[in-house]
Amino acid sequence: MAFRGENFKLLLRIPLDVKILVCGNALVKEDSLPLRLLPLLKKEFPDIGFKEFDAVEELEDEGEDLLILDTVVGIKRVKVFEDIDSFSDSPRFSLHDFDLLSYLKLLKKVGKVRKVRIIGIPSIEIRRTKKDIVRIVKEVCDTKSREYKQL
C-alpha cells in the first residue's frame, strides 16, 4: 500500500499503534454522536485505529495509555480532558451504576491505567462538531507522537 500526501505526513507524525476507543449508545440520541462521527473519522484518519467500545470490563485489555472518544454532558464544543478526576461522579445505587468514569478511576488507582485522555463531544448537532473533532484528533495525535518519540 502506498502512502501519499496528507496520509503519509500523518503516518510519519503518529505512532503506529494509535487507537481511539469510541464510546456511545446508538439507541440514545444524546449519546450516539461519537458513533455517528465514526465513518467521517475513519475516512479522515485511515492510519488511526478506531474501535467501537462498549464493555467497560474490557478496558484493562486496551493498555496503559487510553484515548477515548465519548459524549460529555455539559460542554458546548469538542474538548480534550486529560484528568479524569475533573469529572463529577454520577450517583451510584448499585453495581449496575458502575459507569465508564468509575471504571477508569478504579483502573488508574490499581495501576492498570497510567494515562487517560478523553476527547469529549457535546451531544449537539453533528454538523458543527465535525470540524472541531477533526482538528482535535489531529492535535491529540500530534501530542501522542511527541510523547512516543520521547520514550
N, C-alpha and C. Protein backbone atom coordinates (compact mmCIF):
# COMPACT_ATOMS: atom_id res chain seq x y z
N MET A 1 0.85 -1.18 0.00
CA MET A 1 0.00 0.00 0.00
C MET A 1 0.89 1.24 0.00
N ALA A 2 0.67 2.14 -0.91
CA ALA A 2 1.45 3.37 -0.99
C ALA A 2 0.75 4.48 -0.22
N PHE A 3 1.56 5.24 0.51
CA PHE A 3 1.03 6.38 1.26
C PHE A 3 1.42 7.65 0.53
N ARG A 4 0.44 8.51 0.30
CA ARG A 4 0.69 9.76 -0.41
C ARG A 4 0.12 10.93 0.36
N GLY A 5 0.66 12.08 0.06
CA GLY A 5 0.10 13.33 0.54
C GLY A 5 -0.09 13.39 2.03
N GLU A 6 -1.26 13.86 2.44
CA GLU A 6 -1.57 14.10 3.84
C GLU A 6 -1.53 12.83 4.68
N ASN A 7 -1.98 11.70 4.10
CA ASN A 7 -1.95 10.44 4.85
C ASN A 7 -0.52 10.07 5.22
N PHE A 8 0.42 10.26 4.31
CA PHE A 8 1.81 9.93 4.58
C PHE A 8 2.38 10.85 5.66
N LYS A 9 2.07 12.15 5.57
CA LYS A 9 2.52 13.09 6.60
C LYS A 9 1.96 12.71 7.96
N LEU A 10 0.69 12.35 8.00
CA LEU A 10 0.07 11.97 9.25
C LEU A 10 0.72 10.71 9.81
N LEU A 11 0.99 9.75 8.93
CA LEU A 11 1.61 8.50 9.36
C LEU A 11 2.97 8.75 9.99
N LEU A 12 3.73 9.68 9.46
CA LEU A 12 5.05 9.97 10.00
C LEU A 12 4.97 10.63 11.37
N ARG A 13 3.87 11.30 11.66
CA ARG A 13 3.75 12.05 12.91
C ARG A 13 3.18 11.24 14.06
N ILE A 14 2.51 10.14 13.79
CA ILE A 14 1.86 9.42 14.88
C ILE A 14 2.44 8.02 15.03
N PRO A 15 2.47 7.51 16.24
CA PRO A 15 2.91 6.13 16.43
C PRO A 15 1.97 5.18 15.70
N LEU A 16 2.47 4.05 15.28
CA LEU A 16 1.66 3.12 14.51
C LEU A 16 0.54 2.50 15.33
N ASP A 17 0.66 2.51 16.64
CA ASP A 17 -0.34 1.84 17.46
C ASP A 17 -1.41 2.78 18.02
N VAL A 18 -1.60 3.95 17.43
CA VAL A 18 -2.61 4.87 17.94
C VAL A 18 -3.99 4.25 17.71
N LYS A 19 -4.72 4.17 18.82
CA LYS A 19 -6.06 3.61 18.77
C LYS A 19 -6.96 4.51 19.59
N ILE A 20 -8.10 4.83 19.05
CA ILE A 20 -9.08 5.63 19.76
C ILE A 20 -10.30 4.75 20.03
N LEU A 21 -10.62 4.61 21.31
CA LEU A 21 -11.80 3.85 21.71
C LEU A 21 -13.01 4.77 21.60
N VAL A 22 -13.98 4.36 20.81
CA VAL A 22 -15.16 5.18 20.55
C VAL A 22 -16.33 4.62 21.35
N CYS A 23 -16.80 5.42 22.29
CA CYS A 23 -17.91 5.00 23.15
C CYS A 23 -19.19 5.69 22.71
N GLY A 24 -20.29 5.12 23.08
CA GLY A 24 -21.57 5.73 22.75
C GLY A 24 -22.66 4.67 22.73
N ASN A 25 -23.87 5.14 22.58
CA ASN A 25 -25.02 4.26 22.53
C ASN A 25 -25.88 4.69 21.35
N ALA A 26 -25.93 3.85 20.34
CA ALA A 26 -26.68 4.17 19.12
C ALA A 26 -28.18 4.33 19.38
N LEU A 27 -28.66 3.75 20.46
CA LEU A 27 -30.10 3.80 20.75
C LEU A 27 -30.52 5.06 21.50
N VAL A 28 -29.53 5.80 22.04
CA VAL A 28 -29.83 7.01 22.80
C VAL A 28 -29.28 8.20 22.02
N LYS A 29 -30.16 9.03 21.49
CA LYS A 29 -29.75 10.13 20.62
C LYS A 29 -28.65 10.99 21.24
N GLU A 30 -28.80 11.33 22.51
CA GLU A 30 -27.84 12.21 23.17
C GLU A 30 -26.47 11.57 23.34
N ASP A 31 -26.38 10.26 23.21
CA ASP A 31 -25.12 9.54 23.41
C ASP A 31 -24.61 8.88 22.13
N SER A 32 -25.23 9.16 21.01
CA SER A 32 -24.89 8.45 19.77
C SER A 32 -23.93 9.22 18.85
N LEU A 33 -23.65 10.47 19.14
CA LEU A 33 -22.83 11.29 18.24
C LEU A 33 -21.45 10.70 17.97
N PRO A 34 -20.72 10.19 18.96
CA PRO A 34 -19.42 9.59 18.63
C PRO A 34 -19.53 8.47 17.59
N LEU A 35 -20.56 7.65 17.71
CA LEU A 35 -20.75 6.55 16.76
C LEU A 35 -21.15 7.07 15.38
N ARG A 36 -21.94 8.14 15.35
CA ARG A 36 -22.34 8.71 14.06
C ARG A 36 -21.16 9.41 13.37
N LEU A 37 -20.18 9.87 14.15
CA LEU A 37 -19.00 10.52 13.58
C LEU A 37 -17.94 9.51 13.11
N LEU A 38 -18.08 8.27 13.50
CA LEU A 38 -17.08 7.25 13.21
C LEU A 38 -16.75 7.10 11.72
N PRO A 39 -17.72 7.04 10.82
CA PRO A 39 -17.37 6.93 9.39
C PRO A 39 -16.52 8.11 8.90
N LEU A 40 -16.84 9.33 9.33
CA LEU A 40 -16.05 10.50 8.96
C LEU A 40 -14.62 10.37 9.49
N LEU A 41 -14.48 9.97 10.73
CA LEU A 41 -13.15 9.87 11.34
C LEU A 41 -12.31 8.79 10.67
N LYS A 42 -12.92 7.66 10.35
CA LYS A 42 -12.19 6.59 9.68
C LYS A 42 -11.72 7.03 8.29
N LYS A 43 -12.53 7.82 7.63
CA LYS A 43 -12.16 8.33 6.30
C LYS A 43 -11.07 9.39 6.41
N GLU A 44 -11.21 10.29 7.38
CA GLU A 44 -10.26 11.38 7.56
C GLU A 44 -8.91 10.89 8.09
N PHE A 45 -8.94 9.84 8.92
CA PHE A 45 -7.72 9.32 9.55
C PHE A 45 -7.60 7.81 9.31
N PRO A 46 -7.30 7.41 8.09
CA PRO A 46 -7.26 5.97 7.79
C PRO A 46 -6.14 5.22 8.50
N ASP A 47 -5.14 5.92 9.00
CA ASP A 47 -4.00 5.28 9.66
C ASP A 47 -4.17 5.16 11.17
N ILE A 48 -5.30 5.60 11.67
CA ILE A 48 -5.59 5.50 13.10
C ILE A 48 -6.61 4.39 13.30
N GLY A 49 -6.41 3.60 14.32
CA GLY A 49 -7.38 2.55 14.63
C GLY A 49 -8.49 3.10 15.50
N PHE A 50 -9.70 3.01 15.02
CA PHE A 50 -10.87 3.41 15.80
C PHE A 50 -11.60 2.13 16.19
N LYS A 51 -11.89 1.99 17.46
CA LYS A 51 -12.55 0.78 17.95
C LYS A 51 -13.81 1.14 18.68
N GLU A 52 -14.96 0.65 18.17
CA GLU A 52 -16.21 0.85 18.90
C GLU A 52 -16.09 0.09 20.21
N PHE A 53 -16.39 0.77 21.28
CA PHE A 53 -16.15 0.19 22.58
C PHE A 53 -17.38 0.28 23.44
N ASP A 54 -17.78 -0.85 24.02
CA ASP A 54 -18.99 -0.86 24.81
C ASP A 54 -18.78 -1.43 26.20
N ALA A 55 -18.03 -2.51 26.31
CA ALA A 55 -17.89 -3.21 27.58
C ALA A 55 -16.74 -2.65 28.40
N VAL A 56 -17.05 -1.89 29.44
CA VAL A 56 -16.00 -1.28 30.26
C VAL A 56 -15.12 -2.33 30.93
N GLU A 57 -15.66 -3.52 31.11
CA GLU A 57 -14.87 -4.59 31.74
C GLU A 57 -13.65 -4.97 30.92
N GLU A 58 -13.65 -4.63 29.64
CA GLU A 58 -12.53 -4.98 28.76
C GLU A 58 -11.50 -3.85 28.64
N LEU A 59 -11.71 -2.76 29.34
CA LEU A 59 -10.80 -1.61 29.26
C LEU A 59 -9.37 -1.96 29.63
N GLU A 60 -9.19 -2.80 30.63
CA GLU A 60 -7.83 -3.12 31.07
C GLU A 60 -7.05 -3.85 29.99
N ASP A 61 -7.71 -4.43 29.01
CA ASP A 61 -7.03 -5.10 27.90
C ASP A 61 -6.55 -4.12 26.83
N GLU A 62 -6.89 -2.85 26.97
CA GLU A 62 -6.58 -1.86 25.94
C GLU A 62 -5.27 -1.12 26.20
N GLY A 63 -4.55 -1.46 27.24
CA GLY A 63 -3.26 -0.84 27.50
C GLY A 63 -3.30 0.18 28.62
N GLU A 64 -2.13 0.77 28.89
CA GLU A 64 -2.00 1.72 30.00
C GLU A 64 -2.28 3.16 29.60
N ASP A 65 -2.25 3.45 28.31
CA ASP A 65 -2.43 4.81 27.81
C ASP A 65 -3.68 4.81 26.93
N LEU A 66 -4.79 5.28 27.49
CA LEU A 66 -6.07 5.21 26.79
C LEU A 66 -6.45 6.54 26.15
N LEU A 67 -6.97 6.44 24.95
CA LEU A 67 -7.51 7.59 24.23
C LEU A 67 -8.94 7.23 23.88
N ILE A 68 -9.88 7.99 24.46
CA ILE A 68 -11.30 7.65 24.38
C ILE A 68 -12.07 8.81 23.77
N LEU A 69 -12.99 8.49 22.87
CA LEU A 69 -13.90 9.47 22.28
C LEU A 69 -15.29 9.16 22.83
N ASP A 70 -15.89 10.15 23.52
CA ASP A 70 -17.18 9.90 24.15
C ASP A 70 -17.96 11.20 24.29
N THR A 71 -19.25 11.07 24.47
CA THR A 71 -20.11 12.21 24.74
C THR A 71 -19.87 12.69 26.17
N VAL A 72 -19.76 14.00 26.33
CA VAL A 72 -19.62 14.58 27.66
C VAL A 72 -20.76 15.57 27.86
N VAL A 73 -21.53 15.35 28.89
CA VAL A 73 -22.68 16.20 29.20
C VAL A 73 -22.18 17.54 29.73
N GLY A 74 -22.78 18.63 29.23
CA GLY A 74 -22.49 19.95 29.79
C GLY A 74 -21.43 20.75 29.06
N ILE A 75 -20.87 20.23 27.96
CA ILE A 75 -19.91 21.03 27.19
C ILE A 75 -20.58 21.47 25.89
N LYS A 76 -20.08 22.57 25.33
CA LYS A 76 -20.67 23.11 24.11
C LYS A 76 -19.80 22.89 22.88
N ARG A 77 -18.52 22.58 23.10
CA ARG A 77 -17.58 22.34 21.99
C ARG A 77 -16.74 21.11 22.32
N VAL A 78 -16.13 20.54 21.31
CA VAL A 78 -15.25 19.40 21.49
C VAL A 78 -14.08 19.83 22.38
N LYS A 79 -13.73 18.98 23.35
CA LYS A 79 -12.69 19.33 24.30
C LYS A 79 -11.95 18.07 24.72
N VAL A 80 -10.64 18.20 24.95
CA VAL A 80 -9.84 17.09 25.44
C VAL A 80 -9.69 17.21 26.95
N PHE A 81 -10.00 16.12 27.64
CA PHE A 81 -9.86 16.04 29.09
C PHE A 81 -8.70 15.10 29.39
N GLU A 82 -7.74 15.57 30.16
CA GLU A 82 -6.58 14.74 30.49
C GLU A 82 -6.56 14.35 31.96
N ASP A 83 -7.55 14.80 32.72
CA ASP A 83 -7.62 14.48 34.14
C ASP A 83 -9.01 13.94 34.44
N ILE A 84 -9.10 12.62 34.63
CA ILE A 84 -10.42 12.04 34.87
C ILE A 84 -11.00 12.47 36.22
N ASP A 85 -10.15 12.97 37.09
CA ASP A 85 -10.65 13.45 38.38
C ASP A 85 -11.38 14.79 38.25
N SER A 86 -11.31 15.42 37.08
CA SER A 86 -12.01 16.68 36.87
C SER A 86 -13.51 16.47 36.61
N PHE A 87 -13.91 15.21 36.39
CA PHE A 87 -15.32 14.91 36.17
C PHE A 87 -16.03 14.66 37.50
N SER A 88 -17.28 15.02 37.55
CA SER A 88 -18.10 14.72 38.73
C SER A 88 -18.59 13.28 38.65
N ASP A 89 -18.52 12.59 39.76
CA ASP A 89 -19.04 11.22 39.80
C ASP A 89 -20.56 11.26 39.71
N SER A 90 -21.10 10.30 38.95
CA SER A 90 -22.56 10.19 38.90
C SER A 90 -23.01 9.35 40.09
N PRO A 91 -24.23 9.57 40.55
CA PRO A 91 -24.70 8.80 41.71
C PRO A 91 -24.76 7.31 41.38
N ARG A 92 -24.39 6.49 42.36
CA ARG A 92 -24.44 5.04 42.19
C ARG A 92 -25.33 4.45 43.28
N PHE A 93 -26.26 3.63 42.83
CA PHE A 93 -27.17 2.98 43.78
C PHE A 93 -26.95 1.48 43.83
N SER A 94 -26.25 0.97 42.80
CA SER A 94 -25.93 -0.46 42.77
C SER A 94 -24.70 -0.64 41.88
N LEU A 95 -24.21 -1.86 41.77
CA LEU A 95 -23.07 -2.11 40.89
C LEU A 95 -23.42 -1.92 39.42
N HIS A 96 -24.69 -1.92 39.09
CA HIS A 96 -25.11 -1.67 37.71
C HIS A 96 -24.87 -0.22 37.31
N ASP A 97 -24.66 0.65 38.28
CA ASP A 97 -24.39 2.06 38.02
C ASP A 97 -22.90 2.35 37.90
N PHE A 98 -22.09 1.33 37.79
CA PHE A 98 -20.64 1.47 37.69
C PHE A 98 -20.32 1.83 36.24
N ASP A 99 -20.19 3.12 35.96
CA ASP A 99 -20.06 3.61 34.59
C ASP A 99 -18.60 3.69 34.14
N LEU A 100 -18.39 4.20 32.95
CA LEU A 100 -17.05 4.32 32.37
C LEU A 100 -16.11 5.09 33.29
N LEU A 101 -16.55 6.23 33.79
CA LEU A 101 -15.70 7.05 34.65
C LEU A 101 -15.30 6.29 35.92
N SER A 102 -16.24 5.63 36.54
CA SER A 102 -15.94 4.85 37.75
C SER A 102 -14.90 3.78 37.45
N TYR A 103 -15.07 3.09 36.35
CA TYR A 103 -14.15 2.02 35.99
C TYR A 103 -12.77 2.57 35.67
N LEU A 104 -12.70 3.70 34.96
CA LEU A 104 -11.41 4.32 34.65
C LEU A 104 -10.67 4.71 35.94
N LYS A 105 -11.41 5.30 36.88
CA LYS A 105 -10.79 5.69 38.15
C LYS A 105 -10.28 4.47 38.91
N LEU A 106 -11.03 3.39 38.89
CA LEU A 106 -10.60 2.17 39.56
C LEU A 106 -9.33 1.61 38.91
N LEU A 107 -9.31 1.54 37.57
CA LEU A 107 -8.14 1.03 36.86
C LEU A 107 -6.91 1.88 37.12
N LYS A 108 -7.11 3.18 37.20
CA LYS A 108 -5.98 4.07 37.48
C LYS A 108 -5.47 3.86 38.91
N LYS A 109 -6.37 3.69 39.83
CA LYS A 109 -6.00 3.51 41.23
C LYS A 109 -5.21 2.23 41.46
N VAL A 110 -5.56 1.15 40.74
CA VAL A 110 -4.85 -0.12 40.92
C VAL A 110 -3.66 -0.27 39.98
N GLY A 111 -3.37 0.79 39.20
CA GLY A 111 -2.18 0.80 38.37
C GLY A 111 -2.30 0.11 37.02
N LYS A 112 -3.51 -0.21 36.60
CA LYS A 112 -3.70 -0.85 35.29
C LYS A 112 -3.72 0.18 34.16
N VAL A 113 -4.04 1.42 34.50
CA VAL A 113 -4.07 2.52 33.53
C VAL A 113 -3.18 3.63 34.05
N ARG A 114 -2.30 4.10 33.18
CA ARG A 114 -1.38 5.17 33.55
C ARG A 114 -1.91 6.53 33.14
N LYS A 115 -2.43 6.60 31.92
CA LYS A 115 -2.87 7.89 31.37
C LYS A 115 -4.18 7.70 30.61
N VAL A 116 -5.09 8.64 30.82
CA VAL A 116 -6.38 8.62 30.12
C VAL A 116 -6.62 9.98 29.51
N ARG A 117 -6.90 9.99 28.22
CA ARG A 117 -7.34 11.22 27.55
C ARG A 117 -8.72 10.94 26.99
N ILE A 118 -9.63 11.84 27.27
CA ILE A 118 -10.98 11.70 26.74
C ILE A 118 -11.23 12.87 25.80
N ILE A 119 -11.53 12.54 24.56
CA ILE A 119 -11.96 13.56 23.60
C ILE A 119 -13.46 13.65 23.79
N GLY A 120 -13.88 14.72 24.46
CA GLY A 120 -15.29 14.88 24.80
C GLY A 120 -16.04 15.58 23.69
N ILE A 121 -17.17 15.00 23.33
CA ILE A 121 -18.02 15.56 22.29
C ILE A 121 -19.34 15.97 22.95
N PRO A 122 -19.79 17.19 22.66
CA PRO A 122 -21.10 17.58 23.20
C PRO A 122 -22.21 16.81 22.49
N SER A 123 -23.33 16.69 23.13
CA SER A 123 -24.45 15.98 22.49
C SER A 123 -25.30 16.99 21.72
N ILE A 124 -24.69 17.53 20.66
CA ILE A 124 -25.37 18.54 19.84
C ILE A 124 -25.34 18.13 18.38
N GLU A 125 -25.78 19.02 17.55
CA GLU A 125 -25.84 18.78 16.11
C GLU A 125 -24.48 18.33 15.55
N ILE A 126 -24.51 17.38 14.67
CA ILE A 126 -23.29 16.77 14.13
C ILE A 126 -22.51 17.73 13.22
N ARG A 127 -23.21 18.59 12.47
CA ARG A 127 -22.54 19.47 11.52
C ARG A 127 -21.50 20.37 12.19
N ARG A 128 -21.88 20.96 13.29
CA ARG A 128 -21.00 21.89 14.00
C ARG A 128 -19.80 21.17 14.63
N THR A 129 -19.98 19.93 14.96
CA THR A 129 -18.96 19.18 15.66
C THR A 129 -17.91 18.59 14.73
N LYS A 130 -18.25 18.34 13.47
CA LYS A 130 -17.34 17.66 12.54
C LYS A 130 -15.98 18.34 12.44
N LYS A 131 -15.97 19.63 12.17
CA LYS A 131 -14.70 20.35 12.02
C LYS A 131 -13.90 20.33 13.31
N ASP A 132 -14.58 20.54 14.43
CA ASP A 132 -13.91 20.53 15.73
C ASP A 132 -13.26 19.18 16.04
N ILE A 133 -13.98 18.10 15.77
CA ILE A 133 -13.45 16.78 16.12
C ILE A 133 -12.24 16.42 15.26
N VAL A 134 -12.26 16.78 13.98
CA VAL A 134 -11.11 16.51 13.11
C VAL A 134 -9.89 17.28 13.61
N ARG A 135 -10.07 18.53 13.97
CA ARG A 135 -8.96 19.35 14.48
C ARG A 135 -8.42 18.77 15.79
N ILE A 136 -9.29 18.40 16.69
CA ILE A 136 -8.87 17.88 17.99
C ILE A 136 -8.15 16.54 17.85
N VAL A 137 -8.65 15.65 17.00
CA VAL A 137 -7.99 14.36 16.81
C VAL A 137 -6.58 14.57 16.27
N LYS A 138 -6.41 15.50 15.33
CA LYS A 138 -5.07 15.81 14.82
C LYS A 138 -4.17 16.31 15.95
N GLU A 139 -4.68 17.21 16.78
CA GLU A 139 -3.88 17.75 17.88
C GLU A 139 -3.49 16.66 18.88
N VAL A 140 -4.44 15.81 19.24
CA VAL A 140 -4.16 14.74 20.21
C VAL A 140 -3.13 13.76 19.63
N CYS A 141 -3.25 13.44 18.36
CA CYS A 141 -2.29 12.52 17.74
C CYS A 141 -0.90 13.15 17.66
N ASP A 142 -0.83 14.45 17.39
CA ASP A 142 0.46 15.13 17.40
C ASP A 142 1.09 15.07 18.79
N THR A 143 0.29 15.29 19.83
CA THR A 143 0.79 15.22 21.21
C THR A 143 1.25 13.81 21.53
N LYS A 144 0.46 12.84 21.15
CA LYS A 144 0.82 11.43 21.41
C LYS A 144 2.11 11.07 20.67
N SER A 145 2.30 11.60 19.49
CA SER A 145 3.52 11.35 18.72
C SER A 145 4.74 11.92 19.42
N ARG A 146 4.60 13.15 19.93
CA ARG A 146 5.73 13.76 20.65
C ARG A 146 6.09 12.95 21.89
N GLU A 147 5.08 12.48 22.61
CA GLU A 147 5.32 11.67 23.80
C GLU A 147 6.00 10.35 23.41
N TYR A 148 5.55 9.76 22.31
CA TYR A 148 6.10 8.49 21.84
C TYR A 148 7.57 8.63 21.47
N LYS A 149 7.91 9.74 20.83
CA LYS A 149 9.30 9.98 20.42
C LYS A 149 10.21 10.22 21.61
N GLN A 150 9.66 10.69 22.74
CA GLN A 150 10.46 10.95 23.92
C GLN A 150 10.82 9.68 24.68
N LEU A 151 10.11 8.59 24.40
CA LEU A 151 10.37 7.32 25.11
C LEU A 151 11.70 6.72 24.73
